[in-house]
N, C-alpha and C. Protein backbone atom coordinates (compact mmCIF):
# COMPACT_ATOMS: atom_id res chain seq x y z
N MET A 1 -12.70 6.14 -21.40
CA MET A 1 -12.77 4.63 -21.13
C MET A 1 -12.18 4.55 -23.21
N ASN A 2 -11.37 3.11 -22.84
CA ASN A 2 -11.29 2.34 -23.91
C ASN A 2 -11.91 1.95 -24.91
N ASN A 3 -11.72 1.29 -25.85
CA ASN A 3 -12.63 0.90 -26.47
C ASN A 3 -12.65 -0.90 -26.18
N LYS A 4 -12.04 -1.13 -25.37
CA LYS A 4 -12.48 -2.11 -24.84
C LYS A 4 -12.95 -2.47 -23.30
N THR A 5 -13.21 -1.56 -22.78
CA THR A 5 -14.43 -1.24 -21.32
C THR A 5 -15.55 -1.51 -21.64
N ILE A 6 -15.43 -2.89 -20.88
CA ILE A 6 -16.78 -3.67 -20.57
C ILE A 6 -17.73 -3.01 -19.22
N PHE A 7 -18.91 -2.18 -19.23
CA PHE A 7 -19.94 -1.84 -18.47
C PHE A 7 -20.26 -3.05 -18.10
N LEU A 8 -20.01 -3.31 -16.21
CA LEU A 8 -20.66 -3.87 -15.41
C LEU A 8 -22.10 -4.34 -14.73
N GLY A 9 -23.09 -3.88 -15.31
CA GLY A 9 -24.62 -3.59 -14.79
C GLY A 9 -25.78 -4.08 -13.98
N GLY A 10 -26.18 -4.34 -13.99
CA GLY A 10 -27.29 -5.30 -13.34
C GLY A 10 -27.33 -5.72 -12.12
N THR A 11 -27.61 -6.31 -11.68
CA THR A 11 -28.21 -6.80 -9.96
C THR A 11 -27.35 -6.34 -9.16
N CYS A 12 -27.38 -6.10 -7.78
CA CYS A 12 -26.61 -5.42 -6.87
C CYS A 12 -26.59 -6.66 -5.63
N ALA A 13 -27.00 -5.49 -4.71
CA ALA A 13 -27.99 -5.50 -3.38
C ALA A 13 -26.51 -6.75 -2.47
N LYS A 14 -26.76 -7.88 -2.37
CA LYS A 14 -25.52 -9.18 -1.99
C LYS A 14 -25.24 -9.86 -2.78
N ASN A 15 -25.65 -9.66 -3.86
CA ASN A 15 -25.59 -10.42 -5.13
C ASN A 15 -23.57 -10.00 -5.63
N ASP A 16 -22.91 -10.92 -5.40
CA ASP A 16 -21.65 -10.40 -5.38
C ASP A 16 -21.11 -10.69 -7.03
N TRP A 17 -21.77 -11.01 -7.65
CA TRP A 17 -21.26 -11.98 -9.42
C TRP A 17 -20.62 -10.60 -9.61
N ARG A 18 -20.44 -9.27 -9.81
CA ARG A 18 -19.57 -8.79 -10.37
C ARG A 18 -17.36 -9.42 -9.52
N VAL A 19 -17.59 -9.24 -8.43
CA VAL A 19 -16.21 -10.23 -7.75
C VAL A 19 -16.06 -11.32 -8.06
N GLU A 20 -17.26 -12.13 -8.24
CA GLU A 20 -16.84 -13.12 -9.10
C GLU A 20 -16.37 -13.40 -10.21
N LEU A 21 -17.28 -13.27 -11.19
CA LEU A 21 -16.82 -12.91 -12.44
C LEU A 21 -15.17 -12.41 -12.05
N ILE A 22 -15.00 -10.85 -12.06
CA ILE A 22 -13.35 -10.64 -11.47
C ILE A 22 -12.38 -11.85 -11.56
N ASP A 23 -12.35 -12.55 -10.24
CA ASP A 23 -12.18 -13.33 -9.93
C ASP A 23 -11.64 -14.92 -10.48
N LYS A 24 -12.73 -15.25 -11.31
CA LYS A 24 -12.51 -16.24 -12.33
C LYS A 24 -11.83 -15.84 -13.32
N LEU A 25 -12.11 -14.85 -14.07
CA LEU A 25 -11.15 -14.11 -15.46
C LEU A 25 -9.81 -14.38 -14.80
N GLN A 26 -9.25 -13.13 -13.33
CA GLN A 26 -8.46 -13.21 -13.23
C GLN A 26 -7.26 -14.21 -13.29
N LYS A 27 -8.08 -15.31 -12.03
CA LYS A 27 -7.59 -16.81 -12.46
C LYS A 27 -7.30 -17.92 -13.30
N GLU A 28 -7.79 -17.05 -14.65
CA GLU A 28 -7.36 -17.86 -15.92
C GLU A 28 -6.50 -17.00 -16.85
N GLY A 29 -6.19 -16.01 -15.65
CA GLY A 29 -4.69 -15.12 -16.86
C GLY A 29 -5.90 -13.82 -17.85
N VAL A 30 -6.75 -13.61 -17.43
CA VAL A 30 -7.37 -12.20 -17.93
C VAL A 30 -7.16 -11.05 -17.60
N ASP A 31 -7.04 -10.36 -18.39
CA ASP A 31 -6.40 -8.67 -18.12
C ASP A 31 -7.87 -8.26 -17.74
N THR A 32 -8.02 -7.83 -16.44
CA THR A 32 -9.70 -7.21 -16.13
C THR A 32 -9.64 -5.46 -15.83
N THR A 33 -8.51 -5.16 -16.57
CA THR A 33 -8.44 -3.63 -16.72
C THR A 33 -10.01 -3.08 -16.95
N PRO A 34 -10.13 -3.63 -18.27
CA PRO A 34 -11.29 -3.07 -18.94
C PRO A 34 -12.87 -3.60 -18.12
N LEU A 35 -12.78 -3.73 -17.14
CA LEU A 35 -14.13 -3.78 -17.36
C LEU A 35 -14.16 -3.10 -15.53
N PHE A 36 -15.54 -2.22 -16.19
CA PHE A 36 -16.06 -0.66 -15.26
C PHE A 36 -17.39 -1.51 -13.99
N ASN A 37 -16.63 -1.44 -12.82
CA ASN A 37 -17.56 -2.05 -11.45
C ASN A 37 -18.50 -0.55 -11.41
N PRO A 38 -19.71 -0.70 -11.04
CA PRO A 38 -20.08 0.84 -11.08
C PRO A 38 -20.63 0.43 -9.50
N VAL A 39 -20.59 -0.33 -9.20
CA VAL A 39 -20.70 -0.51 -7.59
C VAL A 39 -19.77 0.04 -6.48
N VAL A 40 -19.80 0.63 -5.56
CA VAL A 40 -19.30 1.64 -4.98
C VAL A 40 -19.94 2.32 -3.73
N SER A 41 -19.17 1.92 -2.43
CA SER A 41 -20.17 2.12 -1.62
C SER A 41 -19.95 3.55 -1.01
N GLY A 42 -20.71 4.85 -0.87
CA GLY A 42 -21.21 6.04 -0.22
C GLY A 42 -21.33 6.56 -1.90
N TRP A 43 -22.31 6.04 -2.01
CA TRP A 43 -23.00 6.53 -4.03
C TRP A 43 -23.66 7.66 -3.04
N THR A 44 -23.17 8.42 -4.67
CA THR A 44 -23.59 9.97 -4.72
C THR A 44 -23.79 10.31 -6.42
N GLU A 45 -24.67 11.12 -6.52
CA GLU A 45 -24.86 12.12 -7.50
C GLU A 45 -23.62 12.61 -8.76
N ALA A 46 -22.09 12.39 -8.08
CA ALA A 46 -21.30 12.83 -8.80
C ALA A 46 -20.71 11.22 -9.16
N PHE A 47 -20.71 10.18 -8.77
CA PHE A 47 -20.41 9.04 -9.08
C PHE A 47 -21.54 8.62 -10.20
N GLN A 48 -22.79 9.22 -9.61
CA GLN A 48 -23.66 8.65 -11.15
C GLN A 48 -23.47 8.93 -12.26
N ALA A 49 -23.09 10.12 -12.26
CA ALA A 49 -22.44 11.01 -13.54
C ALA A 49 -21.45 9.72 -13.99
N VAL A 50 -20.42 9.33 -13.41
CA VAL A 50 -19.50 8.64 -13.70
C VAL A 50 -19.97 7.37 -14.37
N GLU A 51 -20.97 6.02 -13.60
CA GLU A 51 -21.49 5.69 -14.27
C GLU A 51 -21.83 5.57 -15.73
N ASP A 52 -22.93 7.07 -15.61
CA ASP A 52 -23.56 7.29 -16.76
C ASP A 52 -22.40 7.34 -18.23
N GLU A 53 -21.42 7.87 -18.14
CA GLU A 53 -20.50 8.08 -18.88
C GLU A 53 -19.86 7.11 -19.42
N ALA A 54 -19.47 6.23 -18.34
CA ALA A 54 -18.93 5.33 -18.46
C ALA A 54 -20.14 4.06 -19.74
N LYS A 55 -21.58 4.35 -19.10
CA LYS A 55 -22.16 3.48 -20.26
C LYS A 55 -22.01 4.32 -21.55
N GLU A 56 -22.24 5.54 -21.81
CA GLU A 56 -22.01 6.20 -22.81
C GLU A 56 -20.65 5.90 -23.48
N THR A 57 -19.85 5.08 -23.08
CA THR A 57 -18.48 5.35 -24.29
C THR A 57 -18.02 4.10 -23.84
N CYS A 58 -18.22 3.01 -23.47
CA CYS A 58 -17.83 1.53 -23.09
C CYS A 58 -18.10 0.67 -24.43
N ALA A 59 -17.20 -0.14 -24.91
CA ALA A 59 -17.45 -1.12 -25.84
C ALA A 59 -18.99 -1.76 -25.30
N LEU A 60 -19.25 -2.38 -24.63
CA LEU A 60 -20.35 -3.24 -24.20
C LEU A 60 -21.19 -2.97 -22.64
N MET A 61 -21.97 -3.15 -22.38
CA MET A 61 -23.14 -2.58 -21.50
C MET A 61 -23.32 -4.28 -21.60
N VAL A 62 -23.27 -4.74 -19.60
CA VAL A 62 -23.59 -5.77 -19.47
C VAL A 62 -24.31 -5.51 -18.20
N TYR A 63 -25.25 -6.20 -18.46
CA TYR A 63 -26.76 -6.21 -17.46
C TYR A 63 -26.93 -7.84 -16.85
N TYR A 64 -26.41 -7.79 -15.90
CA TYR A 64 -26.55 -9.25 -15.27
C TYR A 64 -28.08 -9.29 -14.50
N ILE A 65 -28.79 -10.39 -14.58
CA ILE A 65 -30.10 -9.88 -13.75
C ILE A 65 -30.06 -10.98 -13.54
N ALA A 66 -30.03 -11.18 -11.87
CA ALA A 66 -30.36 -12.43 -11.08
C ALA A 66 -30.81 -12.02 -9.22
N ASP A 67 -30.69 -13.18 -8.86
CA ASP A 67 -31.42 -12.81 -7.37
C ASP A 67 -30.49 -12.32 -6.74
N PRO A 68 -30.80 -11.04 -6.39
CA PRO A 68 -30.21 -10.01 -5.36
C PRO A 68 -29.42 -11.01 -3.93
N LYS A 69 -30.23 -11.84 -3.52
CA LYS A 69 -29.84 -12.03 -2.51
C LYS A 69 -30.25 -11.66 -0.85
N GLN A 70 -30.94 -10.87 -1.05
CA GLN A 70 -31.50 -9.95 -0.32
C GLN A 70 -32.91 -10.00 0.36
N GLU A 71 -33.81 -10.11 1.36
CA GLU A 71 -34.59 -10.40 2.29
C GLU A 71 -35.56 -9.99 1.34
N GLY A 72 -36.69 -10.15 0.98
CA GLY A 72 -37.81 -8.94 0.42
C GLY A 72 -37.91 -8.49 -0.79
N ASN A 73 -36.06 -8.76 -1.67
CA ASN A 73 -36.61 -8.45 -2.78
C ASN A 73 -36.03 -9.50 -3.61
N PRO A 74 -37.40 -10.44 -4.02
CA PRO A 74 -36.30 -11.65 -5.05
C PRO A 74 -35.97 -11.16 -6.17
N ILE A 75 -36.49 -9.90 -6.92
CA ILE A 75 -35.80 -9.92 -8.43
C ILE A 75 -35.35 -8.32 -8.41
N SER A 76 -34.19 -8.44 -9.76
CA SER A 76 -33.78 -6.57 -9.54
C SER A 76 -34.72 -6.26 -10.49
N ALA A 77 -35.63 -5.32 -10.36
CA ALA A 77 -36.68 -4.48 -11.12
C ALA A 77 -36.16 -3.91 -12.03
N TYR A 78 -35.72 -2.90 -11.23
CA TYR A 78 -34.87 -1.73 -11.82
C TYR A 78 -33.46 -2.46 -13.16
N SER A 79 -32.96 -3.16 -12.49
CA SER A 79 -32.01 -3.75 -14.26
C SER A 79 -32.64 -4.28 -14.71
N MET A 80 -33.87 -5.29 -15.17
CA MET A 80 -34.49 -5.63 -15.81
C MET A 80 -35.09 -3.75 -16.60
N ILE A 81 -35.02 -2.72 -15.98
CA ILE A 81 -35.56 -1.91 -17.00
C ILE A 81 -34.54 -1.19 -17.36
N GLU A 82 -33.44 -1.37 -17.09
CA GLU A 82 -32.31 -1.08 -17.72
C GLU A 82 -31.74 -1.46 -18.51
N ALA A 83 -31.65 -2.31 -18.85
CA ALA A 83 -31.34 -3.83 -20.02
C ALA A 83 -32.33 -3.03 -20.74
N SER A 84 -33.97 -3.47 -20.75
CA SER A 84 -34.88 -2.93 -21.68
C SER A 84 -34.68 -1.87 -22.50
N MET A 85 -33.96 -0.53 -21.69
CA MET A 85 -33.88 0.15 -22.50
C MET A 85 -32.34 0.50 -23.20
N ALA A 86 -31.56 -0.39 -22.53
CA ALA A 86 -30.36 -0.32 -23.20
C ALA A 86 -30.88 -1.37 -24.89
N LEU A 87 -31.14 -2.33 -24.69
CA LEU A 87 -31.91 -2.84 -25.60
C LEU A 87 -32.23 -2.51 -26.90
N TYR A 88 -33.39 -1.26 -26.52
CA TYR A 88 -33.91 -0.36 -27.46
C TYR A 88 -32.98 0.42 -27.63
N ASP A 89 -32.03 1.23 -27.15
CA ASP A 89 -31.06 2.59 -27.49
C ASP A 89 -29.96 1.79 -28.04
N ASP A 90 -29.44 0.53 -27.84
CA ASP A 90 -28.39 0.61 -28.49
C ASP A 90 -27.91 -1.38 -28.54
N PRO A 91 -28.91 -2.07 -29.31
CA PRO A 91 -28.89 -3.60 -28.99
C PRO A 91 -27.03 -4.30 -29.34
N GLU A 92 -27.06 -3.67 -29.97
CA GLU A 92 -25.39 -4.23 -30.51
C GLU A 92 -24.54 -3.91 -29.55
N ARG A 93 -24.56 -3.42 -28.83
CA ARG A 93 -23.71 -3.06 -27.95
C ARG A 93 -24.08 -3.88 -25.84
N THR A 94 -25.98 -4.35 -26.00
CA THR A 94 -26.14 -5.00 -24.55
C THR A 94 -25.79 -6.06 -24.79
N VAL A 95 -25.52 -6.50 -23.39
CA VAL A 95 -25.26 -8.00 -23.76
C VAL A 95 -26.42 -8.48 -22.02
N VAL A 96 -27.30 -9.05 -22.40
CA VAL A 96 -28.40 -9.39 -20.74
C VAL A 96 -28.21 -10.99 -20.75
N VAL A 97 -27.97 -10.87 -19.36
CA VAL A 97 -27.78 -12.16 -18.63
C VAL A 97 -28.61 -12.77 -17.84
N PHE A 98 -29.46 -13.45 -17.74
CA PHE A 98 -30.55 -13.87 -16.90
C PHE A 98 -29.84 -15.17 -16.09
N GLU A 99 -29.71 -15.16 -14.79
CA GLU A 99 -29.30 -15.93 -13.79
C GLU A 99 -30.75 -16.58 -13.28
N SER A 100 -31.06 -17.67 -12.72
CA SER A 100 -32.52 -18.38 -12.38
C SER A 100 -32.07 -18.47 -10.73
N ASP A 101 -30.93 -19.58 -10.78
CA ASP A 101 -29.92 -20.05 -9.73
C ASP A 101 -30.61 -18.97 -8.34
N GLY A 102 -31.23 -19.60 -7.43
CA GLY A 102 -31.80 -19.11 -6.06
C GLY A 102 -33.34 -18.41 -6.26
N MET A 103 -33.89 -18.59 -7.75
CA MET A 103 -34.97 -17.48 -8.00
C MET A 103 -35.61 -18.75 -7.72
N VAL A 104 -37.30 -18.69 -6.99
CA VAL A 104 -38.67 -19.80 -6.47
C VAL A 104 -39.77 -18.75 -7.09
N ASP A 105 -40.51 -19.54 -7.25
CA ASP A 105 -42.41 -19.14 -7.67
C ASP A 105 -42.05 -18.09 -8.86
N HIS A 106 -43.14 -16.69 -8.27
CA HIS A 106 -43.10 -15.63 -9.34
C HIS A 106 -42.07 -15.44 -9.55
N ALA A 107 -41.08 -14.87 -8.92
CA ALA A 107 -39.69 -14.32 -9.30
C ALA A 107 -38.95 -14.95 -10.25
N LYS A 108 -38.93 -16.57 -10.68
CA LYS A 108 -38.10 -17.08 -11.45
C LYS A 108 -39.18 -17.09 -12.26
N LYS A 109 -40.67 -17.26 -12.57
CA LYS A 109 -41.39 -17.60 -13.59
C LYS A 109 -41.71 -15.77 -14.53
N VAL A 110 -41.10 -14.56 -13.73
CA VAL A 110 -41.52 -13.65 -14.53
C VAL A 110 -39.74 -13.41 -14.61
N GLN A 111 -38.65 -14.05 -14.10
CA GLN A 111 -36.81 -13.87 -14.74
C GLN A 111 -37.49 -14.71 -16.03
N ASP A 112 -38.20 -16.16 -16.10
CA ASP A 112 -37.91 -16.97 -17.35
C ASP A 112 -38.83 -15.76 -18.06
N LYS A 113 -39.61 -15.93 -18.27
CA LYS A 113 -40.61 -15.07 -19.13
C LYS A 113 -39.91 -13.80 -20.14
N THR A 114 -38.93 -12.63 -19.16
CA THR A 114 -38.29 -12.07 -19.04
C THR A 114 -37.63 -12.05 -20.75
N GLU A 115 -36.61 -13.46 -20.10
CA GLU A 115 -35.46 -13.64 -21.22
C GLU A 115 -36.19 -14.15 -22.06
N LYS A 116 -37.44 -15.05 -22.38
CA LYS A 116 -38.30 -15.29 -23.56
C LYS A 116 -38.44 -14.40 -24.32
N ASP A 117 -38.88 -13.47 -23.40
CA ASP A 117 -39.71 -11.92 -24.30
C ASP A 117 -38.39 -11.67 -25.02
N PHE A 118 -37.63 -10.98 -24.57
CA PHE A 118 -35.69 -10.80 -24.85
C PHE A 118 -35.69 -11.45 -25.82
N ARG A 119 -35.35 -12.58 -26.06
CA ARG A 119 -34.70 -13.58 -26.89
C ARG A 119 -35.78 -13.04 -27.79
N LYS A 120 -37.17 -13.01 -28.17
CA LYS A 120 -38.17 -12.85 -29.40
C LYS A 120 -37.79 -11.68 -29.96
N ARG A 121 -37.97 -10.76 -29.07
CA ARG A 121 -37.95 -9.45 -29.61
C ARG A 121 -36.62 -8.92 -29.89
N PHE A 122 -35.50 -9.18 -29.13
CA PHE A 122 -33.91 -8.94 -29.89
C PHE A 122 -32.93 -10.40 -30.16
N PRO A 123 -33.28 -10.59 -31.48
CA PRO A 123 -33.12 -11.54 -32.03
C PRO A 123 -31.39 -11.32 -32.12
N GLU A 124 -31.00 -10.18 -32.83
CA GLU A 124 -30.30 -10.09 -33.01
C GLU A 124 -28.83 -9.45 -31.59
N ALA A 125 -29.50 -9.52 -30.67
CA ALA A 125 -28.46 -8.91 -29.43
C ALA A 125 -27.91 -10.46 -28.75
N ASN A 126 -27.19 -9.48 -27.41
CA ASN A 126 -26.76 -11.06 -26.90
C ASN A 126 -27.22 -11.09 -25.84
N VAL A 127 -28.22 -12.27 -25.64
CA VAL A 127 -28.90 -12.24 -24.35
C VAL A 127 -28.27 -14.14 -23.97
N LEU A 128 -27.62 -14.09 -22.98
CA LEU A 128 -26.87 -15.46 -22.33
C LEU A 128 -27.91 -15.72 -21.18
N ALA A 129 -28.01 -17.37 -20.71
CA ALA A 129 -28.27 -17.84 -19.95
C ALA A 129 -27.76 -18.11 -18.50
N ASN A 130 -27.06 -17.55 -18.30
CA ASN A 130 -26.35 -18.12 -17.23
C ASN A 130 -24.93 -16.97 -16.95
N PHE A 131 -24.53 -17.22 -15.67
CA PHE A 131 -22.99 -17.01 -15.48
C PHE A 131 -21.59 -17.50 -15.86
N ASP A 132 -21.83 -19.02 -15.95
CA ASP A 132 -20.71 -19.74 -17.02
C ASP A 132 -20.54 -18.83 -18.77
N GLU A 133 -21.80 -18.36 -18.95
CA GLU A 133 -21.97 -18.12 -20.41
C GLU A 133 -21.30 -16.42 -20.42
N LEU A 134 -21.48 -16.45 -19.18
CA LEU A 134 -20.98 -14.84 -19.53
C LEU A 134 -19.33 -14.68 -19.06
N VAL A 135 -19.14 -15.33 -17.96
CA VAL A 135 -17.91 -15.47 -18.45
C VAL A 135 -17.19 -16.35 -19.64
N GLN A 136 -17.28 -16.59 -20.12
CA GLN A 136 -17.15 -17.21 -21.05
C GLN A 136 -16.91 -15.67 -22.40
N PHE A 137 -18.04 -15.01 -22.81
CA PHE A 137 -18.04 -14.33 -23.42
C PHE A 137 -16.73 -13.14 -23.10
N VAL A 138 -17.20 -12.53 -21.55
CA VAL A 138 -16.50 -11.48 -21.70
C VAL A 138 -14.52 -11.62 -21.91
N LYS A 139 -14.35 -13.55 -21.37
CA LYS A 139 -13.44 -13.73 -21.48
C LYS A 139 -12.95 -13.54 -23.03
N LYS A 140 -13.88 -14.07 -24.14
CA LYS A 140 -13.66 -13.68 -25.62
C LYS A 140 -13.30 -12.09 -26.25
N GLN A 141 -14.22 -11.57 -25.53
CA GLN A 141 -14.42 -9.93 -25.95
C GLN A 141 -13.08 -9.37 -25.17
N LEU A 142 -12.27 -9.83 -24.35
CA LEU A 142 -11.07 -9.33 -23.77
C LEU A 142 -9.78 -9.51 -24.42
N ALA A 143 -10.28 -10.79 -25.41
CA ALA A 143 -9.17 -11.18 -26.09
C ALA A 143 -8.89 -11.01 -27.07
N ASP A 144 -9.98 -10.20 -28.20
CA ASP A 144 -9.91 -9.72 -29.46
C ASP A 144 -9.26 -8.77 -29.33
């Protein structure tokens, strides 16, 4: 990995935020080759090793926490766990984005409370409030 690699972790399922992010950045003329998308078809243990290596060597780890857009799965619980571990282990390389669009009731309350707690517990960390903030943040990182 090079020193600009950005790991795109977080919500999966039917939420295609990674595709949207890459598309939006490319339309703005941003080189997106440093972005590491861990979502692949045919998940294997070998690819898990590739993903783990990417997390260890990237410049930044983004954890986008949003509605998985999947029936019966209103929140990305494991993504929150991964984001928590990353903030404790390496807060300066971790970016957490909380997007609550499409969330309702208890899932939205959990999302909002987690965002508030992360901001309080990790005041030095990059905790972003939505997709648009993420686009601007990544654009700036790739331009530097």
